[in-house]
PDB file of N, CA and C in Angstrom:
ATOM      1  N   MET A   1       0.838  -1.185   0.000  1.00  0.00           N
ATOM      2  CA  MET A   1       0.000   0.000   0.000  1.00  0.00           C
ATOM      3  C   MET A   1       0.879   1.243   0.000  1.00  0.00           C
ATOM      4  N   GLU A   2       0.482   2.229  -0.815  1.00  0.00           N
ATOM      5  CA  GLU A   2       1.260   3.442  -0.900  1.00  0.00           C
ATOM      6  C   GLU A   2       1.029   4.324   0.318  1.00  0.00           C
ATOM      7  N   THR A   3       2.089   4.995   0.737  1.00  0.00           N
ATOM      8  CA  THR A   3       1.956   5.960   1.823  1.00  0.00           C
ATOM      9  C   THR A   3       1.771   7.335   1.212  1.00  0.00           C
ATOM     10  N   GLU A   4       1.404   8.320   2.042  1.00  0.00           N
ATOM     11  CA  GLU A   4       1.257   9.677   1.529  1.00  0.00           C
ATOM     12  C   GLU A   4       2.560  10.181   0.939  1.00  0.00           C
ATOM     13  N   LYS A   5       3.677   9.798   1.557  1.00  0.00           N
ATOM     14  CA  LYS A   5       4.971  10.236   1.047  1.00  0.00           C
ATOM     15  C   LYS A   5       5.200   9.681  -0.352  1.00  0.00           C
ATOM     16  N   ASP A   6       4.845   8.399  -0.581  1.00  0.00           N
ATOM     17  CA  ASP A   6       5.011   7.793  -1.896  1.00  0.00           C
ATOM     18  C   ASP A   6       4.177   8.523  -2.942  1.00  0.00           C
ATOM     19  N   ILE A   7       2.943   8.844  -2.592  1.00  0.00           N
ATOM     20  CA  ILE A   7       2.038   9.514  -3.515  1.00  0.00           C
ATOM     21  C   ILE A   7       2.560  10.900  -3.849  1.00  0.00           C
ATOM     22  N   LYS A   8       2.996  11.621  -2.836  1.00  0.00           N
ATOM     23  CA  LYS A   8       3.455  12.985  -3.010  1.00  0.00           C
ATOM     24  C   LYS A   8       4.634  13.061  -3.966  1.00  0.00           C
ATOM     25  N   THR A   9       5.498  12.073  -3.944  1.00  0.00           N
ATOM     26  CA  THR A   9       6.707  12.131  -4.746  1.00  0.00           C
ATOM     27  C   THR A   9       6.626  11.272  -6.005  1.00  0.00           C
ATOM     28  N   THR A  10       5.434  10.753  -6.323  1.00  0.00           N
ATOM     29  CA  THR A  10       5.280   9.906  -7.492  1.00  0.00           C
ATOM     30  C   THR A  10       5.121  10.762  -8.739  1.00  0.00           C
ATOM     31  N   PRO A  11       6.074  10.663  -9.681  1.00  0.00           N
ATOM     32  CA  PRO A  11       5.928  11.418 -10.924  1.00  0.00           C
ATOM     33  C   PRO A  11       4.734  10.880 -11.717  1.00  0.00           C
ATOM     34  N   ALA A  12       4.203  11.714 -12.601  1.00  0.00           N
ATOM     35  CA  ALA A  12       3.017  11.344 -13.377  1.00  0.00           C
ATOM     36  C   ALA A  12       3.200  10.020 -14.110  1.00  0.00           C
ATOM     37  N   LYS A  13       4.386   9.731 -14.616  1.00  0.00           N
ATOM     38  CA  LYS A  13       4.599   8.492 -15.355  1.00  0.00           C
ATOM     39  C   LYS A  13       4.469   7.256 -14.469  1.00  0.00           C
ATOM     40  N   GLU A  14       4.532   7.433 -13.144  1.00  0.00           N
ATOM     41  CA  GLU A  14       4.417   6.299 -12.237  1.00  0.00           C
ATOM     42  C   GLU A  14       3.039   6.202 -11.591  1.00  0.00           C
ATOM     43  N   LEU A  15       2.094   6.988 -12.058  1.00  0.00           N
ATOM     44  CA  LEU A  15       0.744   6.907 -11.524  1.00  0.00           C
ATOM     45  C   LEU A  15       0.124   5.575 -11.920  1.00  0.00           C
ATOM     46  N   PRO A  16      -0.869   5.113 -11.176  1.00  0.00           N
ATOM     47  CA  PRO A  16      -1.516   3.836 -11.496  1.00  0.00           C
ATOM     48  C   PRO A  16      -2.108   3.842 -12.902  1.00  0.00           C
ATOM     49  N   THR A  17      -2.198   2.682 -13.502  1.00  0.00           N
ATOM     50  CA  THR A  17      -2.770   2.594 -14.846  1.00  0.00           C
ATOM     51  C   THR A  17      -4.282   2.767 -14.819  1.00  0.00           C
ATOM     52  N   CYS A  18      -4.923   2.421 -13.728  1.00  0.00           N
ATOM     53  CA  CYS A  18      -6.367   2.561 -13.591  1.00  0.00           C
ATOM     54  C   CYS A  18      -6.714   4.024 -13.322  1.00  0.00           C
ATOM     55  N   PRO A  19      -7.563   4.641 -14.150  1.00  0.00           N
ATOM     56  CA  PRO A  19      -7.924   6.043 -13.942  1.00  0.00           C
ATOM     57  C   PRO A  19      -8.606   6.310 -12.596  1.00  0.00           C
ATOM     58  N   VAL A  20      -9.417   5.378 -12.112  1.00  0.00           N
ATOM     59  CA  VAL A  20     -10.064   5.559 -10.805  1.00  0.00           C
ATOM     60  C   VAL A  20      -9.008   5.593  -9.711  1.00  0.00           C
ATOM     61  N   GLU A  21      -8.046   4.703  -9.799  1.00  0.00           N
ATOM     62  CA  GLU A  21      -6.970   4.668  -8.804  1.00  0.00           C
ATOM     63  C   GLU A  21      -6.123   5.938  -8.870  1.00  0.00           C
ATOM     64  N   THR A  22      -5.912   6.457 -10.068  1.00  0.00           N
ATOM     65  CA  THR A  22      -5.166   7.706 -10.218  1.00  0.00           C
ATOM     66  C   THR A  22      -5.890   8.842  -9.505  1.00  0.00           C
ATOM     67  N   THR A  23      -7.202   8.941  -9.714  1.00  0.00           N
ATOM     68  CA  THR A  23      -7.989   9.977  -9.054  1.00  0.00           C
ATOM     69  C   THR A  23      -7.912   9.832  -7.542  1.00  0.00           C
ATOM     70  N   LEU A  24      -8.071   8.604  -7.062  1.00  0.00           N
ATOM     71  CA  LEU A  24      -7.993   8.366  -5.626  1.00  0.00           C
ATOM     72  C   LEU A  24      -6.608   8.691  -5.076  1.00  0.00           C
ATOM     73  N   THR A  25      -5.586   8.457  -5.857  1.00  0.00           N
ATOM     74  CA  THR A  25      -4.224   8.783  -5.427  1.00  0.00           C
ATOM     75  C   THR A  25      -4.104  10.282  -5.150  1.00  0.00           C
ATOM     76  N   LEU A  26      -4.762  11.092  -5.966  1.00  0.00           N
ATOM     77  CA  LEU A  26      -4.653  12.546  -5.831  1.00  0.00           C
ATOM     78  C   LEU A  26      -5.585  13.141  -4.779  1.00  0.00           C
ATOM     79  N   ILE A  27      -6.755  12.518  -4.548  1.00  0.00           N
ATOM     80  CA  ILE A  27      -7.722  13.121  -3.618  1.00  0.00           C
ATOM     81  C   ILE A  27      -8.208  12.122  -2.568  1.00  0.00           C
ATOM     82  N   SER A  28      -7.414  11.112  -2.269  1.00  0.00           N
ATOM     83  CA  SER A  28      -7.866  10.020  -1.405  1.00  0.00           C
ATOM     84  C   SER A  28      -8.050  10.404   0.054  1.00  0.00           C
ATOM     85  N   ASP A  29      -7.543  11.512   0.454  1.00  0.00           N
ATOM     86  CA  ASP A  29      -7.639  11.911   1.850  1.00  0.00           C
ATOM     87  C   ASP A  29      -8.898  12.739   2.086  1.00  0.00           C
ATOM     88  N   LYS A  30      -9.555  12.503   3.193  1.00  0.00           N
ATOM     89  CA  LYS A  30     -10.768  13.256   3.546  1.00  0.00           C
ATOM     90  C   LYS A  30     -10.492  14.756   3.536  1.00  0.00           C
ATOM     91  N   TRP A  31      -9.338  15.151   4.028  1.00  0.00           N
ATOM     92  CA  TRP A  31      -9.031  16.579   4.109  1.00  0.00           C
ATOM     93  C   TRP A  31      -8.900  17.194   2.727  1.00  0.00           C
ATOM     94  N   LYS A  32      -8.320  16.462   1.782  1.00  0.00           N
ATOM     95  CA  LYS A  32      -8.151  17.007   0.433  1.00  0.00           C
ATOM     96  C   LYS A  32      -9.498  17.266  -0.214  1.00  0.00           C
ATOM     97  N   VAL A  33     -10.433  16.365  -0.011  1.00  0.00           N
ATOM     98  CA  VAL A  33     -11.768  16.551  -0.580  1.00  0.00           C
ATOM     99  C   VAL A  33     -12.431  17.780   0.049  1.00  0.00           C
ATOM    100  N   LEU A  34     -12.264  17.959   1.355  1.00  0.00           N
ATOM    101  CA  LEU A  34     -12.848  19.121   2.020  1.00  0.00           C
ATOM    102  C   LEU A  34     -12.165  20.419   1.597  1.00  0.00           C
ATOM    103  N   ILE A  35     -10.867  20.363   1.359  1.00  0.00           N
ATOM    104  CA  ILE A  35     -10.147  21.535   0.852  1.00  0.00           C
ATOM    105  C   ILE A  35     -10.689  21.899  -0.528  1.00  0.00           C
ATOM    106  N   LEU A  36     -10.840  20.898  -1.386  1.00  0.00           N
ATOM    107  CA  LEU A  36     -11.408  21.145  -2.719  1.00  0.00           C
ATOM    108  C   LEU A  36     -12.794  21.771  -2.601  1.00  0.00           C
ATOM    109  N   ARG A  37     -13.629  21.188  -1.745  1.00  0.00           N
ATOM    110  CA  ARG A  37     -14.992  21.699  -1.539  1.00  0.00           C
ATOM    111  C   ARG A  37     -14.964  23.176  -1.147  1.00  0.00           C
ATOM    112  N   ASP A  38     -14.074  23.526  -0.211  1.00  0.00           N
ATOM    113  CA  ASP A  38     -14.060  24.880   0.318  1.00  0.00           C
ATOM    114  C   ASP A  38     -13.366  25.889  -0.600  1.00  0.00           C
ATOM    115  N   LEU A  39     -12.579  25.409  -1.556  1.00  0.00           N
ATOM    116  CA  LEU A  39     -11.944  26.319  -2.510  1.00  0.00           C
ATOM    117  C   LEU A  39     -12.747  26.459  -3.808  1.00  0.00           C
ATOM    118  N   MET A  40     -13.766  25.624  -4.004  1.00  0.00           N
ATOM    119  CA  MET A  40     -14.574  25.714  -5.229  1.00  0.00           C
ATOM    120  C   MET A  40     -15.178  27.111  -5.428  1.00  0.00           C
ATOM    121  N   PRO A  41     -15.702  27.748  -4.354  1.00  0.00           N
ATOM    122  CA  PRO A  41     -16.271  29.091  -4.559  1.00  0.00           C
ATOM    123  C   PRO A  41     -15.228  30.165  -4.869  1.00  0.00           C
ATOM    124  N   GLY A  42     -13.959  29.911  -4.534  1.00  0.00           N
ATOM    125  CA  GLY A  42     -12.924  30.898  -4.821  1.00  0.00           C
ATOM    126  C   GLY A  42     -11.775  30.849  -3.836  1.00  0.00           C
ATOM    127  N   THR A  43     -10.880  31.780  -3.987  1.00  0.00           N
ATOM    128  CA  THR A  43      -9.649  31.892  -3.214  1.00  0.00           C
ATOM    129  C   THR A  43      -9.937  32.079  -1.729  1.00  0.00           C
ATOM    130  N   LYS A  44      -9.091  31.449  -0.905  1.00  0.00           N
ATOM    131  CA  LYS A  44      -9.190  31.611   0.542  1.00  0.00           C
ATOM    132  C   LYS A  44      -7.791  31.753   1.132  1.00  0.00           C
ATOM    133  N   ARG A  45      -7.727  32.507   2.226  1.00  0.00           N
ATOM    134  CA  ARG A  45      -6.494  32.581   2.999  1.00  0.00           C
ATOM    135  C   ARG A  45      -6.396  31.325   3.851  1.00  0.00           C
ATOM    136  N   PHE A  46      -5.199  31.036   4.338  1.00  0.00           N
ATOM    137  CA  PHE A  46      -4.960  29.831   5.131  1.00  0.00           C
ATOM    138  C   PHE A  46      -5.912  29.756   6.322  1.00  0.00           C
ATOM    139  N   GLY A  47      -6.012  30.850   7.075  1.00  0.00           N
ATOM    140  CA  GLY A  47      -6.862  30.869   8.266  1.00  0.00           C
ATOM    141  C   GLY A  47      -8.333  30.645   7.934  1.00  0.00           C
ATOM    142  N   GLU A  48      -8.798  31.232   6.834  1.00  0.00           N
ATOM    143  CA  GLU A  48     -10.188  31.041   6.409  1.00  0.00           C
ATOM    144  C   GLU A  48     -10.442  29.576   6.068  1.00  0.00           C
ATOM    145  N   LEU A  49      -9.490  28.999   5.389  1.00  0.00           N
ATOM    146  CA  LEU A  49      -9.600  27.598   4.987  1.00  0.00           C
ATOM    147  C   LEU A  49      -9.634  26.694   6.214  1.00  0.00           C
ATOM    148  N   ARG A  50      -8.777  26.971   7.158  1.00  0.00           N
ATOM    149  CA  ARG A  50      -8.732  26.159   8.378  1.00  0.00           C
ATOM    150  C   ARG A  50     -10.050  26.237   9.139  1.00  0.00           C
ATOM    151  N   LYS A  51     -10.613  27.428   9.237  1.00  0.00           N
ATOM    152  CA  LYS A  51     -11.896  27.598   9.926  1.00  0.00           C
ATOM    153  C   LYS A  51     -13.029  26.903   9.183  1.00  0.00           C
ATOM    154  N   SER A  52     -13.040  27.016   7.855  1.00  0.00           N
ATOM    155  CA  SER A  52     -14.146  26.446   7.085  1.00  0.00           C
ATOM    156  C   SER A  52     -14.118  24.915   7.094  1.00  0.00           C
ATOM    157  N   ILE A  53     -12.938  24.334   7.204  1.00  0.00           N
ATOM    158  CA  ILE A  53     -12.818  22.872   7.208  1.00  0.00           C
ATOM    159  C   ILE A  53     -13.203  22.298   8.563  1.00  0.00           C
ATOM    160  N   GLY A  54     -12.817  22.975   9.619  1.00  0.00           N
ATOM    161  CA  GLY A  54     -13.180  22.485  10.947  1.00  0.00           C
ATOM    162  C   GLY A  54     -12.006  21.890  11.692  1.00  0.00           C
ATOM    163  N   HIS A  55     -12.153  20.683  12.171  1.00  0.00           N
ATOM    164  CA  HIS A  55     -11.177  20.058  13.069  1.00  0.00           C
ATOM    165  C   HIS A  55      -9.960  19.524  12.321  1.00  0.00           C
ATOM    166  N   ILE A  56      -9.129  20.434  11.846  1.00  0.00           N
ATOM    167  CA  ILE A  56      -7.888  20.059  11.166  1.00  0.00           C
ATOM    168  C   ILE A  56      -6.767  20.881  11.792  1.00  0.00           C
ATOM    169  N   SER A  57      -5.650  20.219  12.050  1.00  0.00           N
ATOM    170  CA  SER A  57      -4.528  20.946  12.640  1.00  0.00           C
ATOM    171  C   SER A  57      -3.814  21.755  11.562  1.00  0.00           C
ATOM    172  N   GLN A  58      -3.084  22.760  12.004  1.00  0.00           N
ATOM    173  CA  GLN A  58      -2.315  23.590  11.076  1.00  0.00           C
ATOM    174  C   GLN A  58      -1.307  22.736  10.317  1.00  0.00           C
ATOM    175  N   LYS A  59      -0.669  21.803  11.027  1.00  0.00           N
ATOM    176  CA  LYS A  59       0.345  20.937  10.421  1.00  0.00           C
ATOM    177  C   LYS A  59      -0.256  20.075   9.306  1.00  0.00           C
ATOM    178  N   VAL A  60      -1.404  19.471   9.581  1.00  0.00           N
ATOM    179  CA  VAL A  60      -2.041  18.599   8.587  1.00  0.00           C
ATOM    180  C   VAL A  60      -2.521  19.424   7.396  1.00  0.00           C
ATOM    181  N   LEU A  61      -3.143  20.580   7.644  1.00  0.00           N
ATOM    182  CA  LEU A  61      -3.616  21.420   6.545  1.00  0.00           C
ATOM    183  C   LEU A  61      -2.456  21.868   5.672  1.00  0.00           C
ATOM    184  N   THR A  62      -1.363  22.260   6.290  1.00  0.00           N
ATOM    185  CA  THR A  62      -0.176  22.672   5.532  1.00  0.00           C
ATOM    186  C   THR A  62       0.333  21.530   4.660  1.00  0.00           C
ATOM    187  N   ALA A  63       0.427  20.330   5.229  1.00  0.00           N
ATOM    188  CA  ALA A  63       0.918  19.164   4.473  1.00  0.00           C
ATOM    189  C   ALA A  63      -0.009  18.843   3.310  1.00  0.00           C
ATOM    190  N   GLN A  64      -1.320  18.878   3.545  1.00  0.00           N
ATOM    191  CA  GLN A  64      -2.287  18.568   2.489  1.00  0.00           C
ATOM    192  C   GLN A  64      -2.204  19.596   1.357  1.00  0.00           C
ATOM    193  N   LEU A  65      -2.119  20.867   1.726  1.00  0.00           N
ATOM    194  CA  LEU A  65      -2.020  21.919   0.712  1.00  0.00           C
ATOM    195  C   LEU A  65      -0.731  21.799  -0.092  1.00  0.00           C
ATOM    196  N   ARG A  66       0.357  21.447   0.547  1.00  0.00           N
ATOM    197  CA  ARG A  66       1.625  21.267  -0.182  1.00  0.00           C
ATOM    198  C   ARG A  66       1.516  20.125  -1.185  1.00  0.00           C
ATOM    199  N   GLN A  67       0.901  19.019  -0.757  1.00  0.00           N
ATOM    200  CA  GLN A  67       0.727  17.881  -1.664  1.00  0.00           C
ATOM    201  C   GLN A  67      -0.169  18.263  -2.842  1.00  0.00           C
ATOM    202  N   MET A  68      -1.215  19.006  -2.555  1.00  0.00           N
ATOM    203  CA  MET A  68      -2.130  19.422  -3.615  1.00  0.00           C
ATOM    204  C   MET A  68      -1.459  20.404  -4.570  1.00  0.00           C
ATOM    205  N   GLU A  69      -0.580  21.229  -4.040  1.00  0.00           N
ATOM    206  CA  GLU A  69       0.177  22.155  -4.888  1.00  0.00           C
ATOM    207  C   GLU A  69       1.124  21.369  -5.793  1.00  0.00           C
ATOM    208  N   GLU A  70       1.806  20.379  -5.242  1.00  0.00           N
ATOM    209  CA  GLU A  70       2.719  19.548  -6.026  1.00  0.00           C
ATOM    210  C   GLU A  70       1.984  18.758  -7.104  1.00  0.00           C
ATOM    211  N   SER A  71       0.735  18.386  -6.831  1.00  0.00           N
ATOM    212  CA  SER A  71      -0.074  17.644  -7.795  1.00  0.00           C
ATOM    213  C   SER A  71      -0.685  18.547  -8.855  1.00  0.00           C
ATOM    214  N   GLY A  72      -0.574  19.855  -8.678  1.00  0.00           N
ATOM    215  CA  GLY A  72      -1.119  20.793  -9.650  1.00  0.00           C
ATOM    216  C   GLY A  72      -2.583  21.117  -9.441  1.00  0.00           C
ATOM    217  N   LEU A  73      -3.117  20.831  -8.238  1.00  0.00           N
ATOM    218  CA  LEU A  73      -4.526  21.098  -7.961  1.00  0.00           C
ATOM    219  C   LEU A  73      -4.748  22.481  -7.349  1.00  0.00           C
ATOM    220  N   VAL A  74      -3.716  23.021  -6.697  1.00  0.00           N
ATOM    221  CA  VAL A  74      -3.830  24.276  -5.944  1.00  0.00           C
ATOM    222  C   VAL A  74      -2.662  25.187  -6.280  1.00  0.00           C
ATOM    223  N   ILE A  75      -2.943  26.470  -6.305  1.00  0.00           N
ATOM    224  CA  ILE A  75      -1.894  27.489  -6.455  1.00  0.00           C
ATOM    225  C   ILE A  75      -1.782  28.222  -5.125  1.00  0.00           C
ATOM    226  N   ARG A  76      -0.561  28.368  -4.645  1.00  0.00           N
ATOM    227  CA  ARG A  76      -0.281  29.094  -3.402  1.00  0.00           C
ATOM    228  C   ARG A  76       0.344  30.424  -3.779  1.00  0.00           C
ATOM    229  N   THR A  77      -0.263  31.509  -3.315  1.00  0.00           N
ATOM    230  CA  THR A  77       0.252  32.844  -3.596  1.00  0.00           C
ATOM    231  C   THR A  77       0.648  33.495  -2.284  1.00  0.00           C
ATOM    232  N   VAL A  78       1.909  33.933  -2.208  1.00  0.00           N
ATOM    233  CA  VAL A  78       2.419  34.585  -1.008  1.00  0.00           C
ATOM    234  C   VAL A  78       2.593  36.067  -1.306  1.00  0.00           C
ATOM    235  N   PHE A  79       2.000  36.904  -0.465  1.00  0.00           N
ATOM    236  CA  PHE A  79       2.134  38.337  -0.606  1.00  0.00           C
ATOM    237  C   PHE A  79       3.186  38.815   0.382  1.00  0.00           C
ATOM    238  N   PRO A  80       4.151  39.623  -0.093  1.00  0.00           N
ATOM    239  CA  PRO A  80       5.251  40.066   0.776  1.00  0.00           C
ATOM    240  C   PRO A  80       4.796  41.120   1.786  1.00  0.00           C
ATOM    241  N   GLU A  81       4.178  40.636   2.839  1.00  0.00           N
ATOM    242  CA  GLU A  81       3.700  41.515   3.911  1.00  0.00           C
ATOM    243  C   GLU A  81       4.136  40.949   5.248  1.00  0.00           C
ATOM    244  N   VAL A  82       4.009  41.758   6.270  1.00  0.00           N
ATOM    245  CA  VAL A  82       4.262  41.287   7.623  1.00  0.00           C
ATOM    246  C   VAL A  82       2.994  41.525   8.422  1.00  0.00           C
ATOM    247  N   PRO A  83       2.367  40.484   8.954  1.00  0.00           N
ATOM    248  CA  PRO A  83       2.696  39.067   8.794  1.00  0.00           C
ATOM    249  C   PRO A  83       2.394  38.588   7.381  1.00  0.00           C
ATOM    250  N   PRO A  84       2.999  37.457   6.977  1.00  0.00           N
ATOM    251  CA  PRO A  84       2.802  36.960   5.618  1.00  0.00           C
ATOM    252  C   PRO A  84       1.324  36.711   5.311  1.00  0.00           C
ATOM    253  N   HIS A  85       0.943  37.052   4.108  1.00  0.00           N
ATOM    254  CA  HIS A  85      -0.424  36.865   3.620  1.00  0.00           C
ATOM    255  C   HIS A  85      -0.331  35.794   2.535  1.00  0.00           C
ATOM    256  N   VAL A  86      -0.967  34.648   2.786  1.00  0.00           N
ATOM    257  CA  VAL A  86      -0.904  33.525   1.843  1.00  0.00           C
ATOM    258  C   VAL A  86      -2.318  33.168   1.428  1.00  0.00           C
ATOM    259  N   GLU A  87      -2.523  33.010   0.123  1.00  0.00           N
ATOM    260  CA  GLU A  87      -3.829  32.635  -0.407  1.00  0.00           C
ATOM    261  C   GLU A  87      -3.707  31.358  -1.223  1.00  0.00           C
ATOM    262  N   TYR A  88      -4.794  30.590  -1.236  1.00  0.00           N
ATOM    263  CA  TYR A  88      -4.861  29.348  -1.999  1.00  0.00           C
ATOM    264  C   TYR A  88      -6.031  29.410  -2.962  1.00  0.00           C
ATOM    265  N   THR A  89      -5.754  28.996  -4.190  1.00  0.00           N
ATOM    266  CA  THR A  89      -6.752  28.995  -5.250  1.00  0.00           C
ATOM    267  C   THR A  89      -6.639  27.689  -6.008  1.00  0.00           C
ATOM    268  N   LEU A  90      -7.764  27.160  -6.439  1.00  0.00           N
ATOM    269  CA  LEU A  90      -7.719  25.957  -7.272  1.00  0.00           C
ATOM    270  C   LEU A  90      -7.202  26.316  -8.658  1.00  0.00           C
ATOM    271  N   THR A  91      -6.459  25.414  -9.237  1.00  0.00           N
ATOM    272  CA  THR A  91      -6.043  25.540 -10.630  1.00  0.00           C
ATOM    273  C   THR A  91      -7.203  25.061 -11.499  1.00  0.00           C
ATOM    274  N   ASP A  92      -7.057  25.179 -12.809  1.00  0.00           N
ATOM    275  CA  ASP A  92      -8.077  24.639 -13.717  1.00  0.00           C
ATOM    276  C   ASP A  92      -8.233  23.133 -13.485  1.00  0.00           C
ATOM    277  N   LEU A  93      -7.109  22.466 -13.222  1.00  0.00           N
ATOM    278  CA  LEU A  93      -7.153  21.035 -12.931  1.00  0.00           C
ATOM    279  C   LEU A  93      -7.954  20.770 -11.652  1.00  0.00           C
ATOM    280  N   GLY A  94      -7.754  21.592 -10.641  1.00  0.00           N
ATOM    281  CA  GLY A  94      -8.508  21.469  -9.401  1.00  0.00           C
ATOM    282  C   GLY A  94      -9.994  21.695  -9.631  1.00  0.00           C
ATOM    283  N   TYR A  95     -10.319  22.734 -10.402  1.00  0.00           N
ATOM    284  CA  TYR A  95     -11.732  23.012 -10.704  1.00  0.00           C
ATOM    285  C   TYR A  95     -12.369  21.902 -11.537  1.00  0.00           C
ATOM    286  N   SER A  96     -11.550  21.172 -12.281  1.00  0.00           N
ATOM    287  CA  SER A  96     -12.106  20.091 -13.109  1.00  0.00           C
ATOM    288  C   SER A  96     -12.655  18.945 -12.260  1.00  0.00           C
ATOM    289  N   LEU A  97     -12.365  18.946 -10.955  1.00  0.00           N
ATOM    290  CA  LEU A  97     -12.901  17.927 -10.044  1.00  0.00           C
ATOM    291  C   LEU A  97     -14.310  18.265  -9.548  1.00  0.00           C
ATOM    292  N   LYS A  98     -14.843  19.412  -9.948  1.00  0.00           N
ATOM    293  CA  LYS A  98     -16.174  19.832  -9.491  1.00  0.00           C
ATOM    294  C   LYS A  98     -17.255  18.798  -9.780  1.00  0.00           C
ATOM    295  N   PRO A  99     -17.333  18.211 -10.971  1.00  0.00           N
ATOM    296  CA  PRO A  99     -18.380  17.208 -11.206  1.00  0.00           C
ATOM    297  C   PRO A  99     -18.278  16.007 -10.252  1.00  0.00           C
ATOM    298  N   ILE A 100     -17.072  15.649  -9.871  1.00  0.00           N
ATOM    299  CA  ILE A 100     -16.888  14.539  -8.934  1.00  0.00           C
ATOM    300  C   ILE A 100     -17.413  14.932  -7.558  1.00  0.00           C
ATOM    301  N   LEU A 101     -17.075  16.151  -7.101  1.00  0.00           N
ATOM    302  CA  LEU A 101     -17.566  16.620  -5.802  1.00  0.00           C
ATOM    303  C   LEU A 101     -19.087  16.779  -5.820  1.00  0.00           C
ATOM    304  N   ASP A 102     -19.626  17.270  -6.937  1.00  0.00           N
ATOM    305  CA  ASP A 102     -21.086  17.398  -7.052  1.00  0.00           C
ATOM    306  C   ASP A 102     -21.759  16.028  -6.952  1.00  0.00           C
ATOM    307  N   ALA A 103     -21.170  15.031  -7.602  1.00  0.00           N
ATOM    308  CA  ALA A 103     -21.728  13.670  -7.541  1.00  0.00           C
ATOM    309  C   ALA A 103     -21.646  13.126  -6.118  1.00  0.00           C
ATOM    310  N   MET A 104     -20.553  13.404  -5.413  1.00  0.00           N
ATOM    311  CA  MET A 104     -20.417  12.962  -4.027  1.00  0.00           C
ATOM    312  C   MET A 104     -21.462  13.650  -3.144  1.00  0.00           C
ATOM    313  N   TRP A 105     -21.706  14.934  -3.398  1.00  0.00           N
ATOM    314  CA  TRP A 105     -22.714  15.687  -2.642  1.00  0.00           C
ATOM    315  C   TRP A 105     -24.087  15.049  -2.851  1.00  0.00           C
ATOM    316  N   ASP A 106     -24.444  14.826  -4.129  1.00  0.00           N
ATOM    317  CA  ASP A 106     -25.747  14.237  -4.458  1.00  0.00           C
ATOM    318  C   ASP A 106     -25.911  12.864  -3.825  1.00  0.00           C
ATOM    319  N   TRP A 107     -24.876  12.054  -3.910  1.00  0.00           N
ATOM    320  CA  TRP A 107     -24.936  10.710  -3.343  1.00  0.00           C
ATOM    321  C   TRP A 107     -25.143  10.785  -1.825  1.00  0.00           C
ATOM    322  N   GLY A 108     -24.402  11.665  -1.173  1.00  0.00           N
ATOM    323  CA  GLY A 108     -24.526  11.832   0.272  1.00  0.00           C
ATOM    324  C   GLY A 108     -25.916  12.309   0.675  1.00  0.00           C
ATOM    325  N   GLU A 109     -26.471  13.246  -0.087  1.00  0.00           N
ATOM    326  CA  GLU A 109     -27.830  13.727   0.180  1.00  0.00           C
ATOM    327  C   GLU A 109     -28.837  12.577   0.050  1.00  0.00           C
ATOM    328  N   ASN A 110     -28.716  11.783  -1.005  1.00  0.00           N
ATOM    329  CA  ASN A 110     -29.624  10.658  -1.226  1.00  0.00           C
ATOM    330  C   ASN A 110     -29.484   9.622  -0.117  1.00  0.00           C
ATOM    331  N   TYR A 111     -28.278   9.348   0.271  1.00  0.00           N
ATOM    332  CA  TYR A 111     -28.041   8.371   1.349  1.00  0.00           C
ATOM    333  C   TYR A 111     -28.695   8.830   2.640  1.00  0.00           C
ATOM    334  N   LYS A 112     -28.481  10.108   2.980  1.00  0.00           N
ATOM    335  CA  LYS A 112     -29.073  10.643   4.209  1.00  0.00           C
ATOM    336  C   LYS A 112     -30.599  10.602   4.145  1.00  0.00           C
ATOM    337  N   ALA A 113     -31.172  10.911   3.003  1.00  0.00           N
ATOM    338  CA  ALA A 113     -32.623  10.910   2.846  1.00  0.00           C
ATOM    339  C   ALA A 113     -33.195   9.488   3.001  1.00  0.00           C
ATOM    340  N   GLN A 114     -32.497   8.496   2.463  1.00  0.00           N
ATOM    341  CA  GLN A 114     -32.958   7.121   2.536  1.00  0.00           C
ATOM    342  C   GLN A 114     -32.809   6.524   3.930  1.00  0.00           C
ATOM    343  N   ASN A 115     -31.927   7.110   4.722  1.00  0.00           N
ATOM    344  CA  ASN A 115     -31.682   6.593   6.064  1.00  0.00           C
ATOM    345  C   ASN A 115     -32.261   7.493   7.151  1.00  0.00           C
ATOM    346  N   GLY A 116     -33.239   8.302   6.764  1.00  0.00           N
ATOM    347  CA  GLY A 116     -33.974   9.101   7.716  1.00  0.00           C
ATOM    348  C   GLY A 116     -33.204  10.190   8.425  1.00  0.00           C
ATOM    349  N   GLN A 117     -32.234  10.760   7.788  1.00  0.00           N
ATOM    350  CA  GLN A 117     -31.460  11.839   8.438  1.00  0.00           C
ATOM    351  C   GLN A 117     -31.689  13.149   7.743  1.00  0.00           C
TER     352      GLN A 117
END
C-alpha cells in the first residue's frame, strides 16, 4: 500500500494505470476533498480555509495543501507583507474535479434521505 509520502513524490509516469486509482491517489484523503470543496467558490487565505474545514490541525492542513500544490490542484500565492499573507486557489485542474464533488454531494444527500437523516 502506498503511503502519503510515496504519492506525493510519485511522478506522473508512475501513476496507477487505472484512472479511478489515479484519481484516488490525488484526492484520497478526507481533508483534500474538504479543501477542494471549500476552494470551489474561490480563493481563501490559510486561516479562512482552516476555519471552514473544521477540526484540522495547522500541520495537517499545511501538508495537504503542499501535496495538492505539487499535484497541480492548488496554487499558493504569497504576498510580501508582515505578517505573511498567503492565499490558496484551485487551478483549472482542481476546478475540473467539481463534477466529482457534485456527484459525491448528491450521493450523500440521497443516502441521508434514505436513512432518515
